[in-house]
C-alpha atoms as a PDB file:
ATOM      1  CA  MET A   1      -8.446 -65.634  68.825  1.00  0.00           C
ATOM      2  CA  THR A   2      -9.004 -62.116  70.137  1.00  0.00           C
ATOM      3  CA  ARG A   3     -11.981 -61.415  72.383  1.00  0.00           C
ATOM      4  CA  PRO A   4     -14.927 -59.781  70.547  1.00  0.00           C
ATOM      5  CA  PRO A   5     -15.188 -56.055  71.337  1.00  0.00           C
ATOM      6  CA  TYR A   6     -18.772 -56.325  72.577  1.00  0.00           C
ATOM      7  CA  ARG A   7     -19.795 -56.819  76.227  1.00  0.00           C
ATOM      8  CA  LEU A   8     -23.484 -57.714  76.367  1.00  0.00           C
ATOM      9  CA  ALA A   9     -25.496 -57.391  79.559  1.00  0.00           C
ATOM     10  CA  LEU A  10     -28.416 -59.680  80.342  1.00  0.00           C
ATOM     11  CA  THR A  11     -31.770 -57.956  79.910  1.00  0.00           C
ATOM     12  CA  THR A  12     -35.446 -58.772  79.642  1.00  0.00           C
ATOM     13  CA  SER A  13     -36.149 -56.144  76.944  1.00  0.00           C
ATOM     14  CA  PRO A  14     -37.180 -57.791  73.639  1.00  0.00           C
ATOM     15  CA  ALA A  15     -35.535 -55.001  71.646  1.00  0.00           C
ATOM     16  CA  ALA A  16     -32.315 -55.268  73.592  1.00  0.00           C
ATOM     17  CA  ARG A  17     -32.276 -59.050  73.158  1.00  0.00           C
ATOM     18  CA  ALA A  18     -32.755 -58.649  69.397  1.00  0.00           C
ATOM     19  CA  LEU A  19     -29.907 -56.161  69.172  1.00  0.00           C
ATOM     20  CA  ALA A  20     -27.679 -58.224  71.470  1.00  0.00           C
ATOM     21  CA  ALA A  21     -28.101 -61.299  69.296  1.00  0.00           C
ATOM     22  CA  THR A  22     -27.249 -59.320  66.180  1.00  0.00           C
ATOM     23  CA  LEU A  23     -24.163 -57.777  67.791  1.00  0.00           C
ATOM     24  CA  ALA A  24     -22.972 -61.226  68.810  1.00  0.00           C
ATOM     25  CA  ILE A  25     -23.347 -62.451  65.235  1.00  0.00           C
ATOM     26  CA  ALA A  26     -21.472 -59.434  63.912  1.00  0.00           C
ATOM     27  CA  ALA A  27     -18.692 -59.941  66.459  1.00  0.00           C
ATOM     28  CA  ALA A  28     -18.314 -63.548  65.397  1.00  0.00           C
ATOM     29  CA  ALA A  29     -18.309 -62.492  61.747  1.00  0.00           C
ATOM     30  CA  SER A  30     -15.408 -60.115  62.358  1.00  0.00           C
ATOM     31  CA  ALA A  31     -13.233 -63.112  63.233  1.00  0.00           C
ATOM     32  CA  LEU A  32     -13.857 -64.762  59.857  1.00  0.00           C
ATOM     33  CA  THR A  33     -11.577 -64.476  56.866  1.00  0.00           C
ATOM     34  CA  ALA A  34     -12.525 -62.113  54.054  1.00  0.00           C
ATOM     35  CA  CYS A  35     -13.540 -64.994  51.808  1.00  0.00           C
ATOM     36  CA  ALA A  36     -15.944 -66.533  54.311  1.00  0.00           C
ATOM     37  CA  PRO A  37     -19.654 -65.971  53.558  1.00  0.00           C
ATOM     38  CA  LEU A  38     -21.804 -64.210  56.144  1.00  0.00           C
ATOM     39  CA  VAL A  39     -25.175 -65.929  56.320  1.00  0.00           C
ATOM     40  CA  ILE A  40     -27.921 -64.473  58.488  1.00  0.00           C
ATOM     41  CA  GLY A  41     -31.480 -65.707  58.689  1.00  0.00           C
ATOM     42  CA  GLY A  42     -33.295 -69.002  58.424  1.00  0.00           C
ATOM     43  CA  ALA A  43     -36.095 -70.495  60.446  1.00  0.00           C
ATOM     44  CA  VAL A  44     -36.277 -69.268  64.016  1.00  0.00           C
ATOM     45  CA  GLY A  45     -39.538 -70.872  65.030  1.00  0.00           C
ATOM     46  CA  GLY A  46     -43.176 -71.165  64.098  1.00  0.00           C
ATOM     47  CA  ALA A  47     -44.163 -67.822  65.614  1.00  0.00           C
ATOM     48  CA  LEU A  48     -42.713 -65.808  62.740  1.00  0.00           C
ATOM     49  CA  VAL A  49     -44.451 -68.038  60.205  1.00  0.00           C
ATOM     50  CA  ALA A  50     -47.763 -67.523  61.980  1.00  0.00           C
ATOM     51  CA  THR A  51     -47.470 -63.724  61.804  1.00  0.00           C
ATOM     52  CA  ASP A  52     -46.074 -63.571  58.263  1.00  0.00           C
ATOM     53  CA  ARG A  53     -48.409 -61.863  55.790  1.00  0.00           C
ATOM     54  CA  ARG A  54     -47.444 -64.253  53.023  1.00  0.00           C
ATOM     55  CA  THR A  55     -49.156 -67.604  52.681  1.00  0.00           C
ATOM     56  CA  SER A  56     -47.177 -70.622  53.856  1.00  0.00           C
ATOM     57  CA  GLY A  57     -46.896 -71.699  50.225  1.00  0.00           C
ATOM     58  CA  THR A  58     -45.424 -68.345  49.209  1.00  0.00           C
ATOM     59  CA  GLN A  59     -42.961 -68.458  52.090  1.00  0.00           C
ATOM     60  CA  LEU A  60     -41.743 -71.832  50.839  1.00  0.00           C
ATOM     61  CA  GLU A  61     -41.526 -70.479  47.291  1.00  0.00           C
ATOM     62  CA  ASP A  62     -39.423 -67.546  48.503  1.00  0.00           C
ATOM     63  CA  LYS A  63     -36.961 -69.888  50.222  1.00  0.00           C
ATOM     64  CA  THR A  64     -36.734 -72.000  47.069  1.00  0.00           C
ATOM     65  CA  ILE A  65     -36.220 -68.910  44.910  1.00  0.00           C
ATOM     66  CA  GLN A  66     -33.379 -67.721  47.139  1.00  0.00           C
ATOM     67  CA  LEU A  67     -31.634 -71.092  46.954  1.00  0.00           C
ATOM     68  CA  LYS A  68     -31.979 -71.231  43.167  1.00  0.00           C
ATOM     69  CA  ALA A  69     -30.849 -67.614  42.858  1.00  0.00           C
ATOM     70  CA  GLY A  70     -27.653 -68.390  44.755  1.00  0.00           C
ATOM     71  CA  ASN A  71     -26.874 -71.262  42.394  1.00  0.00           C
ATOM     72  CA  ARG A  72     -27.596 -69.240  39.271  1.00  0.00           C
ATOM     73  CA  ILE A  73     -25.539 -66.288  40.463  1.00  0.00           C
ATOM     74  CA  ARG A  74     -22.571 -68.588  41.096  1.00  0.00           C
ATOM     75  CA  ASP A  75     -22.984 -69.988  37.597  1.00  0.00           C
ATOM     76  CA  ALA A  76     -23.079 -66.477  36.123  1.00  0.00           C
ATOM     77  CA  LEU A  77     -20.248 -64.906  38.147  1.00  0.00           C
ATOM     78  CA  GLY A  78     -18.090 -67.705  39.454  1.00  0.00           C
ATOM     79  CA  GLU A  79     -15.872 -66.217  42.174  1.00  0.00           C
ATOM     80  CA  ARG A  80     -16.342 -62.639  40.988  1.00  0.00           C
ATOM     81  CA  GLY A  81     -18.342 -60.161  43.000  1.00  0.00           C
ATOM     82  CA  HIS A  82     -20.302 -60.256  46.252  1.00  0.00           C
ATOM     83  CA  THR A  83     -24.066 -60.591  45.834  1.00  0.00           C
ATOM     84  CA  ASN A  84     -27.172 -61.240  47.914  1.00  0.00           C
ATOM     85  CA  ALA A  85     -30.602 -62.308  46.668  1.00  0.00           C
ATOM     86  CA  ASN A  86     -33.618 -61.851  48.962  1.00  0.00           C
ATOM     87  CA  SER A  87     -37.083 -62.914  47.862  1.00  0.00           C
ATOM     88  CA  TYR A  88     -40.300 -61.625  49.425  1.00  0.00           C
ATOM     89  CA  ASN A  89     -43.654 -62.593  47.920  1.00  0.00           C
ATOM     90  CA  ARG A  90     -41.710 -63.738  44.818  1.00  0.00           C
ATOM     91  CA  VAL A  91     -40.094 -60.314  44.266  1.00  0.00           C
ATOM     92  CA  VAL A  92     -36.297 -60.702  44.312  1.00  0.00           C
ATOM     93  CA  LEU A  93     -34.039 -57.935  45.608  1.00  0.00           C
ATOM     94  CA  LEU A  94     -30.427 -58.109  44.384  1.00  0.00           C
ATOM     95  CA  THR A  95     -27.802 -56.263  46.412  1.00  0.00           C
ATOM     96  CA  GLY A  96     -24.038 -56.305  46.608  1.00  0.00           C
ATOM     97  CA  GLU A  97     -21.197 -55.595  44.201  1.00  0.00           C
ATOM     98  CA  VAL A  98     -20.185 -56.926  40.781  1.00  0.00           C
ATOM     99  CA  PRO A  99     -17.122 -56.077  38.632  1.00  0.00           C
ATOM    100  CA  THR A 100     -18.863 -54.907  35.439  1.00  0.00           C
ATOM    101  CA  GLU A 101     -22.178 -53.671  34.061  1.00  0.00           C
ATOM    102  CA  ALA A 102     -22.330 -56.846  31.967  1.00  0.00           C
ATOM    103  CA  ASP A 103     -22.126 -58.920  35.164  1.00  0.00           C
ATOM    104  CA  ARG A 104     -24.893 -56.822  36.678  1.00  0.00           C
ATOM    105  CA  SER A 105     -27.170 -57.525  33.708  1.00  0.00           C
ATOM    106  CA  ALA A 106     -26.201 -61.211  33.617  1.00  0.00           C
ATOM    107  CA  VAL A 107     -27.130 -61.714  37.268  1.00  0.00           C
ATOM    108  CA  GLU A 108     -30.510 -60.035  36.791  1.00  0.00           C
ATOM    109  CA  ALA A 109     -31.282 -62.133  33.717  1.00  0.00           C
ATOM    110  CA  ALA A 110     -30.274 -65.343  35.482  1.00  0.00           C
ATOM    111  CA  VAL A 111     -32.498 -64.641  38.493  1.00  0.00           C
ATOM    112  CA  ALA A 112     -35.429 -63.375  36.424  1.00  0.00           C
ATOM    113  CA  GLY A 113     -35.546 -66.758  34.685  1.00  0.00           C
ATOM    114  CA  ILE A 114     -36.236 -68.666  37.905  1.00  0.00           C
ATOM    115  CA  GLU A 115     -39.671 -70.263  38.090  1.00  0.00           C
ATOM    116  CA  ASN A 116     -42.265 -68.269  40.099  1.00  0.00           C
ATOM    117  CA  VAL A 117     -40.213 -65.042  40.213  1.00  0.00           C
ATOM    118  CA  ARG A 118     -42.600 -62.125  39.615  1.00  0.00           C
ATOM    119  CA  SER A 119     -40.003 -59.354  39.284  1.00  0.00           C
ATOM    120  CA  VAL A 120     -36.406 -58.449  40.097  1.00  0.00           C
ATOM    121  CA  VAL A 121     -35.252 -55.254  41.820  1.00  0.00           C
ATOM    122  CA  ASN A 122     -31.611 -54.890  40.758  1.00  0.00           C
ATOM    123  CA  GLU A 123     -29.650 -52.809  43.278  1.00  0.00           C
ATOM    124  CA  LEU A 124     -26.256 -54.329  42.437  1.00  0.00           C
ATOM    125  CA  ALA A 125     -23.424 -51.781  42.351  1.00  0.00           C
ATOM    126  CA  VAL A 126     -20.605 -51.955  39.810  1.00  0.00           C
ATOM    127  CA  MET A 127     -17.613 -51.640  42.137  1.00  0.00           C
ATOM    128  CA  GLY A 128     -15.125 -53.644  44.164  1.00  0.00           C
ATOM    129  CA  ASN A 129     -16.289 -55.932  46.930  1.00  0.00           C
ATOM    130  CA  THR A 130     -16.919 -54.372  50.326  1.00  0.00           C
ATOM    131  CA  SER A 131     -14.806 -55.465  53.282  1.00  0.00           C
ATOM    132  CA  LEU A 132     -15.960 -57.888  55.956  1.00  0.00           C
ATOM    133  CA  THR A 133     -15.829 -54.977  58.398  1.00  0.00           C
ATOM    134  CA  ALA A 134     -18.315 -53.043  56.266  1.00  0.00           C
ATOM    135  CA  ARG A 135     -20.604 -56.066  56.046  1.00  0.00           C
ATOM    136  CA  SER A 136     -20.460 -56.546  59.805  1.00  0.00           C
ATOM    137  CA  SER A 137     -21.456 -52.894  60.186  1.00  0.00           C
ATOM    138  CA  ASP A 138     -24.461 -53.561  57.942  1.00  0.00           C
ATOM    139  CA  VAL A 139     -25.488 -56.467  60.182  1.00  0.00           C
ATOM    140  CA  ILE A 140     -25.312 -54.213  63.231  1.00  0.00           C
ATOM    141  CA  ILE A 141     -27.441 -51.560  61.504  1.00  0.00           C
ATOM    142  CA  GLU A 142     -29.996 -54.227  60.605  1.00  0.00           C
ATOM    143  CA  GLY A 143     -30.129 -55.327  64.246  1.00  0.00           C
ATOM    144  CA  LYS A 144     -30.605 -51.759  65.457  1.00  0.00           C
ATOM    145  CA  ILE A 145     -33.492 -51.236  63.028  1.00  0.00           C
ATOM    146  CA  ARG A 146     -35.112 -54.514  64.067  1.00  0.00           C
ATOM    147  CA  ALA A 147     -34.759 -53.544  67.727  1.00  0.00           C
ATOM    148  CA  THR A 148     -36.311 -50.145  66.986  1.00  0.00           C
ATOM    149  CA  TYR A 149     -39.272 -51.857  65.326  1.00  0.00           C
ATOM    150  CA  VAL A 150     -39.690 -54.219  68.289  1.00  0.00           C
ATOM    151  CA  ASP A 151     -39.700 -51.252  70.680  1.00  0.00           C
ATOM    152  CA  ALA A 152     -42.209 -49.250  68.629  1.00  0.00           C
ATOM    153  CA  ARG A 153     -45.819 -49.807  69.655  1.00  0.00           C
ATOM    154  CA  ASP A 154     -47.307 -48.789  66.304  1.00  0.00           C
ATOM    155  CA  VAL A 155     -45.561 -51.248  63.946  1.00  0.00           C
ATOM    156  CA  MET A 156     -45.608 -55.032  63.634  1.00  0.00           C
ATOM    157  CA  SER A 157     -41.906 -55.828  63.463  1.00  0.00           C
ATOM    158  CA  ASN A 158     -42.365 -59.228  61.808  1.00  0.00           C
ATOM    159  CA  ALA A 159     -44.123 -57.623  58.841  1.00  0.00           C
ATOM    160  CA  TYR A 160     -40.831 -56.206  57.536  1.00  0.00           C
ATOM    161  CA  LYS A 161     -37.868 -57.831  55.830  1.00  0.00           C
ATOM    162  CA  ILE A 162     -34.762 -55.685  56.330  1.00  0.00           C
ATOM    163  CA  VAL A 163     -31.737 -55.810  54.018  1.00  0.00           C
ATOM    164  CA  VAL A 164     -28.731 -53.516  54.582  1.00  0.00           C
ATOM    165  CA  GLU A 165     -25.938 -53.031  52.062  1.00  0.00           C
ATOM    166  CA  ARG A 166     -23.190 -50.397  52.446  1.00  0.00           C
ATOM    167  CA  GLY A 167     -25.384 -48.505  54.920  1.00  0.00           C
ATOM    168  CA  VAL A 168     -28.358 -48.413  52.520  1.00  0.00           C
ATOM    169  CA  VAL A 169     -31.490 -49.958  54.039  1.00  0.00           C
ATOM    170  CA  TYR A 170     -33.927 -51.843  51.826  1.00  0.00           C
ATOM    171  CA  LEU A 171     -37.339 -52.551  53.354  1.00  0.00           C
ATOM    172  CA  MET A 172     -39.548 -55.319  51.978  1.00  0.00           C
ATOM    173  CA  GLY A 173     -42.955 -56.547  53.072  1.00  0.00           C
ATOM    174  CA  ARG A 174     -46.694 -56.439  52.450  1.00  0.00           C
ATOM    175  CA  VAL A 175     -47.715 -53.292  54.324  1.00  0.00           C
ATOM    176  CA  THR A 176     -50.134 -50.400  54.161  1.00  0.00           C
ATOM    177  CA  GLU A 177     -48.940 -46.948  53.138  1.00  0.00           C
ATOM    178  CA  ARG A 178     -49.253 -45.899  56.770  1.00  0.00           C
ATOM    179  CA  GLU A 179     -47.047 -48.778  57.902  1.00  0.00           C
ATOM    180  CA  ALA A 180     -44.553 -48.107  55.111  1.00  0.00           C
ATOM    181  CA  GLU A 181     -44.114 -44.457  56.069  1.00  0.00           C
ATOM    182  CA  ARG A 182     -43.683 -45.298  59.749  1.00  0.00           C
ATOM    183  CA  ALA A 183     -41.143 -48.025  59.028  1.00  0.00           C
ATOM    184  CA  VAL A 184     -39.083 -45.674  56.852  1.00  0.00           C
ATOM    185  CA  GLU A 185     -39.240 -42.976  59.531  1.00  0.00           C
ATOM    186  CA  LEU A 186     -37.979 -45.367  62.204  1.00  0.00           C
ATOM    187  CA  ALA A 187     -35.213 -46.767  59.992  1.00  0.00           C
ATOM    188  CA  ARG A 188     -33.956 -43.274  59.181  1.00  0.00           C
ATOM    189  CA  SER A 189     -33.623 -42.544  62.899  1.00  0.00           C
ATOM    190  CA  VAL A 190     -30.981 -45.277  63.331  1.00  0.00           C
ATOM    191  CA  SER A 191     -27.343 -44.194  63.353  1.00  0.00           C
ATOM    192  CA  GLY A 192     -25.285 -45.357  60.385  1.00  0.00           C
ATOM    193  CA  VAL A 193     -28.188 -45.422  57.910  1.00  0.00           C
ATOM    194  CA  ALA A 194     -27.210 -43.650  54.694  1.00  0.00           C
ATOM    195  CA  LYS A 195     -30.505 -44.051  52.844  1.00  0.00           C
ATOM    196  CA  VAL A 196     -33.759 -46.015  53.023  1.00  0.00           C
ATOM    197  CA  VAL A 197     -35.190 -47.638  49.888  1.00  0.00           C
ATOM    198  CA  ARG A 198     -38.772 -48.881  49.824  1.00  0.00           C
ATOM    199  CA  VAL A 199     -39.304 -52.266  48.156  1.00  0.00           C
ATOM    200  CA  PHE A 200     -42.767 -52.702  49.644  1.00  0.00           C
ATOM    201  CA  GLU A 201     -45.913 -54.247  48.255  1.00  0.00           C
ATOM    202  CA  ILE A 202     -48.591 -51.787  49.380  1.00  0.00           C
ATOM    203  CA  ILE A 203     -51.885 -53.240  50.564  1.00  0.00           C
ATOM    204  CA  SER A 204     -55.066 -51.541  51.733  1.00  0.00           C
ATOM    205  CA  GLU A 205     -56.141 -51.118  55.343  1.00  0.00           C
ATOM    206  CA  GLU A 206     -59.048 -53.450  54.564  1.00  0.00           C
ATOM    207  CA  GLU A 207     -56.696 -56.189  53.366  1.00  0.00           C
ATOM    208  CA  LEU A 208     -54.550 -55.686  56.450  1.00  0.00           C
ATOM    209  CA  ALA A 209     -57.618 -56.209  58.633  1.00  0.00           C
ATOM    210  CA  ARG A 210     -58.296 -59.496  56.835  1.00  0.00           C
ATOM    211  CA  LEU A 211     -54.685 -60.636  57.269  1.00  0.00           C
ATOM    212  CA  THR A 212     -54.408 -59.717  60.943  1.00  0.00           C
ATOM    213  CA  PRO A 213     -55.244 -62.639  63.282  1.00  0.00           C
ATOM    214  CA  LYS A 214     -58.154 -61.865  65.568  1.00  0.00           C
ATOM    215  CA  PRO A 215     -57.350 -62.171  69.299  1.00  0.00           C
ATOM    216  CA  ALA A 216     -59.295 -64.781  71.231  1.00  0.00           C
ATOM    217  CA  THR A 217     -62.152 -63.295  73.248  1.00  0.00           C
ATOM    218  CA  ALA A 218     -62.736 -63.964  76.935  1.00  0.00           C
ATOM    219  CA  ALA A 219     -65.948 -65.792  76.072  1.00  0.00           C
ATOM    220  CA  SER A 220     -64.234 -68.183  73.659  1.00  0.00           C
ATOM    221  CA  GLY A 221     -61.489 -68.768  76.221  1.00  0.00           C
ATOM    222  CA  ALA A 222     -64.045 -69.687  78.870  1.00  0.00           C
ATOM    223  CA  ALA A 223     -65.869 -71.998  76.466  1.00  0.00           C
ATOM    224  CA  SER A 224     -62.686 -73.825  75.550  1.00  0.00           C
ATOM    225  CA  SER A 225     -61.904 -74.395  79.243  1.00  0.00           C
ATOM    226  CA  GLY A 226     -65.348 -75.944  79.791  1.00  0.00           C
ATOM    227  CA  LYS A 227     -66.694 -73.213  82.034  1.00  0.00           C
END
């Protein structure tokens, strides 16, 4: 096995750690065969759940929808095409490549029929499958965007779900218009990004205030310590 082309230095920067982890994943992916699936994501701890703007029930529904979508897409396409289904607040984003327009429609119909799915955003392209190298590049772009969000002081990085396909960035999440515009601006500043597509659910500043956890005050901290 050849040595991955990335040399990562130890650092205490959260953004650098996020990017380093993504680069390591992409480097490992480059050693896989073209038929091997590249799976990124999953549970990484309770902290992300605590800051997610979806309810815990909706988060569970989204995971279930994604699993069911994968099964239905396999039933509809078999071994044809390369597709990804990401669900956020029960809105499913379809990305990837399929051989024909009929396949594109069949995948959308199959996913739209899943219980609890509110709507489907069909961004499937009718074309040949992208290479593993191209998909690894997408993973790196995603990591760079996530690191940029972590570094930025005016965005909450965990509020955004980032999907990258062929250099096109799809942004999902429950955000205000202000947050949406800032997230798009930051994503566009990352090298390798061809286009940014908004798949946001826009909420008001008032709703954001209700969703944002209130920090503990000094008084409450003193009371809890018995002082």
